Amino acid sequence: MRKKEQKEQINNDLQFGRRLVLIPDSDEEIYIRIPTAQEQYEAKLEKTREFNRLLKNPDYLTKKEIIELYKSRGQDIKVVHDEIDKLRKDLNIEFLSLAKIMNDKKKKEKIAELSEKIKNLRLEIQELISKETTMFENSIESLSELCEHYALIAACVEKKIKDEYIKVYSSTQEFVNDKDTKKGLTLTTAFLQMYYGYGVNESPFVNWLAVENGK
């Protein structure tokens, strides 16, 4: 496909909520699209089934139980969540301040100062999210939510054969069992960016997938 045709095809795909994903070390062309209402419903059902299954198993704890467990050891992990909320509010304030002067050529130094502050706040938030995610990653809520996300991704990964888009995975389990780690991480990141608006490395689900694959 020539570059012009490829660009037109990509623009056309984006209009229909579909995005071309480039897999590292691969020439394979894979697409991610927005899930249908039916696919979202089925993913919710998978999440509910997983939640109920884990709830019956005494080896797994809810987030509330984990908070109490940490508290019994002298650590209040709700403080981390509160700090994330505070930093997000600070970040929004800095973004608004930057937006007001962004086109003012006389305020280059202030723009640079605010940009640096925003960068540092985002890094701090990212670090705390990672910390909070680690604390709750084995909770019943997190594991069942992970199941929902995997179901959505598996349903929305496609390859193009001639003019038709065909699903790459026949089930959630097939996606989870895919041994191509780079492919899994790339598809997960691309989907979360498109569907939820997560930035690179901002999603706890990408971090979880990396842990699962020994990264």
C-alpha atoms as a PDB file:
ATOM      1  CA  MET A   1       0.000   0.000   0.000  1.00  0.00           C
ATOM      2  CA  ARG A   2       1.392   3.428  -0.991  1.00  0.00           C
ATOM      3  CA  LYS A   3       1.928   6.064   1.716  1.00  0.00           C
ATOM      4  CA  LYS A   4      -0.935   8.264   0.506  1.00  0.00           C
ATOM      5  CA  GLU A   5      -3.359   5.333   0.394  1.00  0.00           C
ATOM      6  CA  GLN A   6      -2.159   4.144   3.797  1.00  0.00           C
ATOM      7  CA  LYS A   7      -2.710   7.616   5.289  1.00  0.00           C
ATOM      8  CA  GLU A   8      -6.219   7.780   3.824  1.00  0.00           C
ATOM      9  CA  GLN A   9      -6.967   4.303   5.187  1.00  0.00           C
ATOM     10  CA  ILE A  10      -5.725   5.252   8.669  1.00  0.00           C
ATOM     11  CA  ASN A  11      -7.844   8.428   8.674  1.00  0.00           C
ATOM     12  CA  ASN A  12     -10.861   6.407   7.572  1.00  0.00           C
ATOM     13  CA  ASP A  13     -10.252   3.818  10.306  1.00  0.00           C
ATOM     14  CA  LEU A  14      -9.927   6.520  12.976  1.00  0.00           C
ATOM     15  CA  GLN A  15     -13.322   7.910  12.009  1.00  0.00           C
ATOM     16  CA  PHE A  16     -14.828   4.538  12.871  1.00  0.00           C
ATOM     17  CA  GLY A  17     -12.965   4.251  16.196  1.00  0.00           C
ATOM     18  CA  ARG A  18     -10.253   1.988  14.848  1.00  0.00           C
ATOM     19  CA  ARG A  19      -6.499   2.517  15.207  1.00  0.00           C
ATOM     20  CA  LEU A  20      -3.513   0.835  13.569  1.00  0.00           C
ATOM     21  CA  VAL A  21      -1.095  -0.530  16.186  1.00  0.00           C
ATOM     22  CA  LEU A  22       2.556  -1.091  15.325  1.00  0.00           C
ATOM     23  CA  ILE A  23       3.943  -4.133  17.141  1.00  0.00           C
ATOM     24  CA  PRO A  24       7.686  -3.954  18.030  1.00  0.00           C
ATOM     25  CA  ASP A  25       9.915  -6.254  15.949  1.00  0.00           C
ATOM     26  CA  SER A  26       6.995  -7.272  13.758  1.00  0.00           C
ATOM     27  CA  ASP A  27       5.604  -6.377  10.327  1.00  0.00           C
ATOM     28  CA  GLU A  28       2.162  -7.537  11.410  1.00  0.00           C
ATOM     29  CA  GLU A  29      -0.563  -4.905  10.989  1.00  0.00           C
ATOM     30  CA  ILE A  30      -2.993  -5.097  13.896  1.00  0.00           C
ATOM     31  CA  TYR A  31      -5.901  -2.803  14.676  1.00  0.00           C
ATOM     32  CA  ILE A  32      -7.597  -1.832  17.924  1.00  0.00           C
ATOM     33  CA  ARG A  33     -11.136  -0.489  17.871  1.00  0.00           C
ATOM     34  CA  ILE A  34     -13.725   0.844  20.305  1.00  0.00           C
ATOM     35  CA  PRO A  35     -15.893  -1.968  21.764  1.00  0.00           C
ATOM     36  CA  THR A  36     -19.564  -2.238  20.877  1.00  0.00           C
ATOM     37  CA  ALA A  37     -22.283  -1.948  23.541  1.00  0.00           C
ATOM     38  CA  GLN A  38     -22.710  -5.742  23.420  1.00  0.00           C
ATOM     39  CA  GLU A  39     -18.971  -6.314  23.927  1.00  0.00           C
ATOM     40  CA  GLN A  40     -18.960  -3.918  26.874  1.00  0.00           C
ATOM     41  CA  TYR A  41     -21.902  -5.770  28.394  1.00  0.00           C
ATOM     42  CA  GLU A  42     -20.228  -9.164  27.962  1.00  0.00           C
ATOM     43  CA  ALA A  43     -16.991  -7.820  29.493  1.00  0.00           C
ATOM     44  CA  LYS A  44     -18.991  -6.605  32.510  1.00  0.00           C
ATOM     45  CA  LEU A  45     -20.445 -10.093  32.869  1.00  0.00           C
ATOM     46  CA  GLU A  46     -16.939 -11.583  32.837  1.00  0.00           C
ATOM     47  CA  LYS A  47     -15.917  -9.099  35.522  1.00  0.00           C
ATOM     48  CA  THR A  48     -18.947 -10.029  37.674  1.00  0.00           C
ATOM     49  CA  ARG A  49     -18.305 -13.753  37.298  1.00  0.00           C
ATOM     50  CA  GLU A  50     -14.655 -13.299  38.279  1.00  0.00           C
ATOM     51  CA  PHE A  51     -15.581 -11.086  41.237  1.00  0.00           C
ATOM     52  CA  ASN A  52     -18.064 -13.647  42.571  1.00  0.00           C
ATOM     53  CA  ARG A  53     -15.602 -16.502  42.044  1.00  0.00           C
ATOM     54  CA  LEU A  54     -12.828 -14.725  43.969  1.00  0.00           C
ATOM     55  CA  LEU A  55     -15.205 -13.590  46.714  1.00  0.00           C
ATOM     56  CA  LYS A  56     -15.876 -17.235  47.577  1.00  0.00           C
ATOM     57  CA  ASN A  57     -12.149 -17.932  47.929  1.00  0.00           C
ATOM     58  CA  PRO A  58     -10.742 -17.085  51.409  1.00  0.00           C
ATOM     59  CA  ASP A  59      -7.269 -16.583  49.893  1.00  0.00           C
ATOM     60  CA  TYR A  60      -8.379 -13.305  48.266  1.00  0.00           C
ATOM     61  CA  LEU A  61      -9.185 -10.005  49.978  1.00  0.00           C
ATOM     62  CA  THR A  62     -11.312  -6.992  49.043  1.00  0.00           C
ATOM     63  CA  LYS A  63      -9.750  -3.519  48.983  1.00  0.00           C
ATOM     64  CA  LYS A  64     -11.485  -2.709  52.272  1.00  0.00           C
ATOM     65  CA  GLU A  65      -9.959  -5.811  53.877  1.00  0.00           C
ATOM     66  CA  ILE A  66      -6.513  -4.889  52.518  1.00  0.00           C
ATOM     67  CA  ILE A  67      -6.836  -1.361  53.960  1.00  0.00           C
ATOM     68  CA  GLU A  68      -7.686  -2.870  57.347  1.00  0.00           C
ATOM     69  CA  LEU A  69      -4.770  -5.304  57.062  1.00  0.00           C
ATOM     70  CA  TYR A  70      -2.298  -2.485  56.407  1.00  0.00           C
ATOM     71  CA  LYS A  71      -3.857  -0.440  59.210  1.00  0.00           C
ATOM     72  CA  SER A  72      -3.351  -3.309  61.655  1.00  0.00           C
ATOM     73  CA  ARG A  73       0.340  -3.113  60.738  1.00  0.00           C
ATOM     74  CA  GLY A  74       0.464   0.621  61.387  1.00  0.00           C
ATOM     75  CA  GLN A  75       0.199   1.863  57.785  1.00  0.00           C
ATOM     76  CA  ASP A  76      -2.727   3.970  56.554  1.00  0.00           C
ATOM     77  CA  ILE A  77      -2.698   3.483  52.773  1.00  0.00           C
ATOM     78  CA  LYS A  78      -5.676   5.824  52.281  1.00  0.00           C
ATOM     79  CA  VAL A  79      -3.135   8.612  52.765  1.00  0.00           C
ATOM     80  CA  VAL A  80      -1.614   7.658  49.386  1.00  0.00           C
ATOM     81  CA  HIS A  81      -4.988   7.975  47.647  1.00  0.00           C
ATOM     82  CA  ASP A  82      -5.648  11.351  49.280  1.00  0.00           C
ATOM     83  CA  GLU A  83      -2.234  12.594  48.159  1.00  0.00           C
ATOM     84  CA  ILE A  84      -2.952  11.522  44.554  1.00  0.00           C
ATOM     85  CA  ASP A  85      -6.232  13.482  44.625  1.00  0.00           C
ATOM     86  CA  LYS A  86      -4.454  16.568  46.002  1.00  0.00           C
ATOM     87  CA  LEU A  87      -1.712  16.410  43.366  1.00  0.00           C
ATOM     88  CA  ARG A  88      -4.274  15.998  40.573  1.00  0.00           C
ATOM     89  CA  LYS A  89      -6.018  19.172  41.735  1.00  0.00           C
ATOM     90  CA  ASP A  90      -2.654  20.963  41.808  1.00  0.00           C
ATOM     91  CA  LEU A  91      -1.952  19.672  38.303  1.00  0.00           C
ATOM     92  CA  ASN A  92      -5.259  21.034  36.970  1.00  0.00           C
ATOM     93  CA  ILE A  93      -4.474  24.450  38.481  1.00  0.00           C
ATOM     94  CA  GLU A  94      -1.049  24.513  36.795  1.00  0.00           C
ATOM     95  CA  PHE A  95      -2.576  23.434  33.468  1.00  0.00           C
ATOM     96  CA  LEU A  96      -5.079  26.302  33.649  1.00  0.00           C
ATOM     97  CA  SER A  97      -2.307  28.767  34.504  1.00  0.00           C
ATOM     98  CA  LEU A  98      -0.259  27.556  31.554  1.00  0.00           C
ATOM     99  CA  ALA A  99      -3.212  27.727  29.165  1.00  0.00           C
ATOM    100  CA  LYS A 100      -3.752  31.409  30.008  1.00  0.00           C
ATOM    101  CA  ILE A 101      -0.230  32.459  28.982  1.00  0.00           C
ATOM    102  CA  MET A 102       0.662  29.785  26.427  1.00  0.00           C
ATOM    103  CA  ASN A 103       0.570  32.177  23.449  1.00  0.00           C
ATOM    104  CA  ASP A 104       2.225  35.099  25.244  1.00  0.00           C
ATOM    105  CA  LYS A 105       5.743  35.404  23.791  1.00  0.00           C
ATOM    106  CA  LYS A 106       6.772  37.751  26.605  1.00  0.00           C
ATOM    107  CA  LYS A 107       6.274  35.029  29.220  1.00  0.00           C
ATOM    108  CA  LYS A 108       8.640  32.342  27.938  1.00  0.00           C
ATOM    109  CA  GLU A 109      10.333  31.942  31.324  1.00  0.00           C
ATOM    110  CA  LYS A 110       7.008  31.539  33.139  1.00  0.00           C
ATOM    111  CA  ILE A 111       5.836  29.057  30.503  1.00  0.00           C
ATOM    112  CA  ALA A 112       9.021  27.021  30.957  1.00  0.00           C
ATOM    113  CA  GLU A 113       8.615  27.168  34.746  1.00  0.00           C
ATOM    114  CA  LEU A 114       5.004  25.971  34.620  1.00  0.00           C
ATOM    115  CA  SER A 115       5.866  23.255  32.088  1.00  0.00           C
ATOM    116  CA  GLU A 116       8.567  21.925  34.400  1.00  0.00           C
ATOM    117  CA  LYS A 117       6.188  22.032  37.368  1.00  0.00           C
ATOM    118  CA  ILE A 118       3.548  20.104  35.396  1.00  0.00           C
ATOM    119  CA  LYS A 119       6.126  17.523  34.332  1.00  0.00           C
ATOM    120  CA  ASN A 120       7.231  16.991  37.955  1.00  0.00           C
ATOM    121  CA  LEU A 121       3.650  16.759  39.224  1.00  0.00           C
ATOM    122  CA  ARG A 122       2.790  14.131  36.598  1.00  0.00           C
ATOM    123  CA  LEU A 123       5.853  12.096  37.574  1.00  0.00           C
ATOM    124  CA  GLU A 124       4.918  12.338  41.244  1.00  0.00           C
ATOM    125  CA  ILE A 125       1.335  11.265  40.537  1.00  0.00           C
ATOM    126  CA  GLN A 126       2.572   8.389  38.390  1.00  0.00           C
ATOM    127  CA  GLU A 127       4.855   7.196  41.190  1.00  0.00           C
ATOM    128  CA  LEU A 128       2.047   7.299  43.763  1.00  0.00           C
ATOM    129  CA  ILE A 129      -0.399   5.536  41.406  1.00  0.00           C
ATOM    130  CA  SER A 130       2.184   2.800  40.941  1.00  0.00           C
ATOM    131  CA  LYS A 131       2.561   2.529  44.723  1.00  0.00           C
ATOM    132  CA  GLU A 132      -1.208   2.387  45.264  1.00  0.00           C
ATOM    133  CA  THR A 133      -1.619  -0.127  42.448  1.00  0.00           C
ATOM    134  CA  THR A 134       0.982  -2.401  44.015  1.00  0.00           C
ATOM    135  CA  MET A 135      -0.914  -2.302  47.313  1.00  0.00           C
ATOM    136  CA  PHE A 136      -4.230  -3.253  45.707  1.00  0.00           C
ATOM    137  CA  GLU A 137      -3.141  -5.286  42.683  1.00  0.00           C
ATOM    138  CA  ASN A 138      -4.180  -8.595  44.271  1.00  0.00           C
ATOM    139  CA  SER A 139      -7.503  -7.332  45.617  1.00  0.00           C
ATOM    140  CA  ILE A 140     -10.714  -8.940  44.406  1.00  0.00           C
ATOM    141  CA  GLU A 141     -11.806  -5.660  42.790  1.00  0.00           C
ATOM    142  CA  SER A 142      -8.528  -5.190  40.887  1.00  0.00           C
ATOM    143  CA  LEU A 143      -8.379  -8.771  39.634  1.00  0.00           C
ATOM    144  CA  SER A 144     -11.992  -8.762  38.440  1.00  0.00           C
ATOM    145  CA  GLU A 145     -11.527  -5.352  36.795  1.00  0.00           C
ATOM    146  CA  LEU A 146      -8.437  -6.715  35.058  1.00  0.00           C
ATOM    147  CA  CYS A 147     -10.586  -9.547  33.720  1.00  0.00           C
ATOM    148  CA  GLU A 148     -13.013  -6.990  32.250  1.00  0.00           C
ATOM    149  CA  HIS A 149     -10.219  -5.066  30.532  1.00  0.00           C
ATOM    150  CA  TYR A 150      -8.698  -8.205  29.044  1.00  0.00           C
ATOM    151  CA  ALA A 151     -12.135  -9.197  27.739  1.00  0.00           C
ATOM    152  CA  LEU A 152     -12.534  -5.794  26.055  1.00  0.00           C
ATOM    153  CA  ILE A 153      -9.062  -5.911  24.504  1.00  0.00           C
ATOM    154  CA  ALA A 154      -9.525  -9.467  23.235  1.00  0.00           C
ATOM    155  CA  ALA A 155     -12.818  -8.457  21.613  1.00  0.00           C
ATOM    156  CA  CYS A 156     -11.353  -5.383  19.903  1.00  0.00           C
ATOM    157  CA  VAL A 157      -8.064  -6.620  18.406  1.00  0.00           C
ATOM    158  CA  GLU A 158      -8.382  -7.167  14.666  1.00  0.00           C
ATOM    159  CA  LYS A 159      -6.353  -7.836  11.546  1.00  0.00           C
ATOM    160  CA  LYS A 160      -7.318  -6.791   8.061  1.00  0.00           C
ATOM    161  CA  ILE A 161      -7.738  -9.405   5.354  1.00  0.00           C
ATOM    162  CA  LYS A 162      -8.506  -7.731   2.033  1.00  0.00           C
ATOM    163  CA  ASP A 163     -11.277  -5.286   2.961  1.00  0.00           C
ATOM    164  CA  GLU A 164     -12.548  -7.172   5.992  1.00  0.00           C
ATOM    165  CA  TYR A 165     -11.545  -6.875   9.653  1.00  0.00           C
ATOM    166  CA  ILE A 166     -11.205 -10.220  11.456  1.00  0.00           C
ATOM    167  CA  LYS A 167     -10.798 -10.754  15.207  1.00  0.00           C
ATOM    168  CA  VAL A 168      -7.329 -11.934  16.222  1.00  0.00           C
ATOM    169  CA  TYR A 169      -8.481 -13.613  19.452  1.00  0.00           C
ATOM    170  CA  SER A 170     -11.457 -15.929  19.756  1.00  0.00           C
ATOM    171  CA  SER A 171     -11.658 -15.478  23.538  1.00  0.00           C
ATOM    172  CA  THR A 172     -10.234 -13.583  26.518  1.00  0.00           C
ATOM    173  CA  GLN A 173      -8.259 -16.655  27.499  1.00  0.00           C
ATOM    174  CA  GLU A 174      -6.546 -16.786  24.113  1.00  0.00           C
ATOM    175  CA  PHE A 175      -5.378 -13.189  24.559  1.00  0.00           C
ATOM    176  CA  VAL A 176      -4.127 -13.883  28.103  1.00  0.00           C
ATOM    177  CA  ASN A 177      -2.299 -17.012  26.909  1.00  0.00           C
ATOM    178  CA  ASP A 178      -0.553 -15.226  24.024  1.00  0.00           C
ATOM    179  CA  LYS A 179       3.173 -15.715  24.712  1.00  0.00           C
ATOM    180  CA  ASP A 180       4.191 -12.645  22.685  1.00  0.00           C
ATOM    181  CA  THR A 181       4.802 -10.258  25.619  1.00  0.00           C
ATOM    182  CA  LYS A 182       5.646  -7.212  23.496  1.00  0.00           C
ATOM    183  CA  LYS A 183       2.485  -7.680  21.504  1.00  0.00           C
ATOM    184  CA  GLY A 184       0.345  -7.990  24.636  1.00  0.00           C
ATOM    185  CA  LEU A 185       1.825  -4.888  26.267  1.00  0.00           C
ATOM    186  CA  THR A 186       1.570  -2.849  23.068  1.00  0.00           C
ATOM    187  CA  LEU A 187      -2.061  -3.806  22.461  1.00  0.00           C
ATOM    188  CA  THR A 188      -3.005  -3.166  26.092  1.00  0.00           C
ATOM    189  CA  THR A 189      -1.356   0.265  26.091  1.00  0.00           C
ATOM    190  CA  ALA A 190      -2.938   1.221  22.745  1.00  0.00           C
ATOM    191  CA  PHE A 191      -6.412   0.147  23.856  1.00  0.00           C
ATOM    192  CA  LEU A 192      -6.256   1.953  27.208  1.00  0.00           C
ATOM    193  CA  GLN A 193      -4.994   5.114  25.542  1.00  0.00           C
ATOM    194  CA  MET A 194      -7.820   5.056  23.017  1.00  0.00           C
ATOM    195  CA  TYR A 195     -10.670   3.897  25.250  1.00  0.00           C
ATOM    196  CA  TYR A 196      -9.842   5.449  28.622  1.00  0.00           C
ATOM    197  CA  GLY A 197      -7.429   8.226  27.687  1.00  0.00           C
ATOM    198  CA  TYR A 198      -4.545   6.859  29.761  1.00  0.00           C
ATOM    199  CA  GLY A 199      -1.106   8.127  28.900  1.00  0.00           C
ATOM    200  CA  VAL A 200       1.847   5.774  28.459  1.00  0.00           C
ATOM    201  CA  ASN A 201       2.708   4.096  31.787  1.00  0.00           C
ATOM    202  CA  GLU A 202      -0.249   5.783  33.552  1.00  0.00           C
ATOM    203  CA  SER A 203      -2.430   2.714  33.552  1.00  0.00           C
ATOM    204  CA  PRO A 204      -2.243   0.196  36.399  1.00  0.00           C
ATOM    205  CA  PHE A 205      -3.367  -2.508  33.943  1.00  0.00           C
ATOM    206  CA  VAL A 206      -0.300  -2.061  31.764  1.00  0.00           C
ATOM    207  CA  ASN A 207       1.871  -2.309  34.878  1.00  0.00           C
ATOM    208  CA  TRP A 208       0.024  -5.453  35.926  1.00  0.00           C
ATOM    209  CA  LEU A 209       0.494  -7.094  32.526  1.00  0.00           C
ATOM    210  CA  ALA A 210       4.218  -6.353  32.698  1.00  0.00           C
ATOM    211  CA  VAL A 211       4.405  -8.005  36.122  1.00  0.00           C
ATOM    212  CA  GLU A 212       2.464 -11.037  34.870  1.00  0.00           C
ATOM    213  CA  ASN A 213       4.971 -11.477  32.066  1.00  0.00           C
ATOM    214  CA  GLY A 214       7.999 -11.136  34.313  1.00  0.00           C
ATOM    215  CA  LYS A 215       8.994  -7.611  33.319  1.00  0.00           C
END
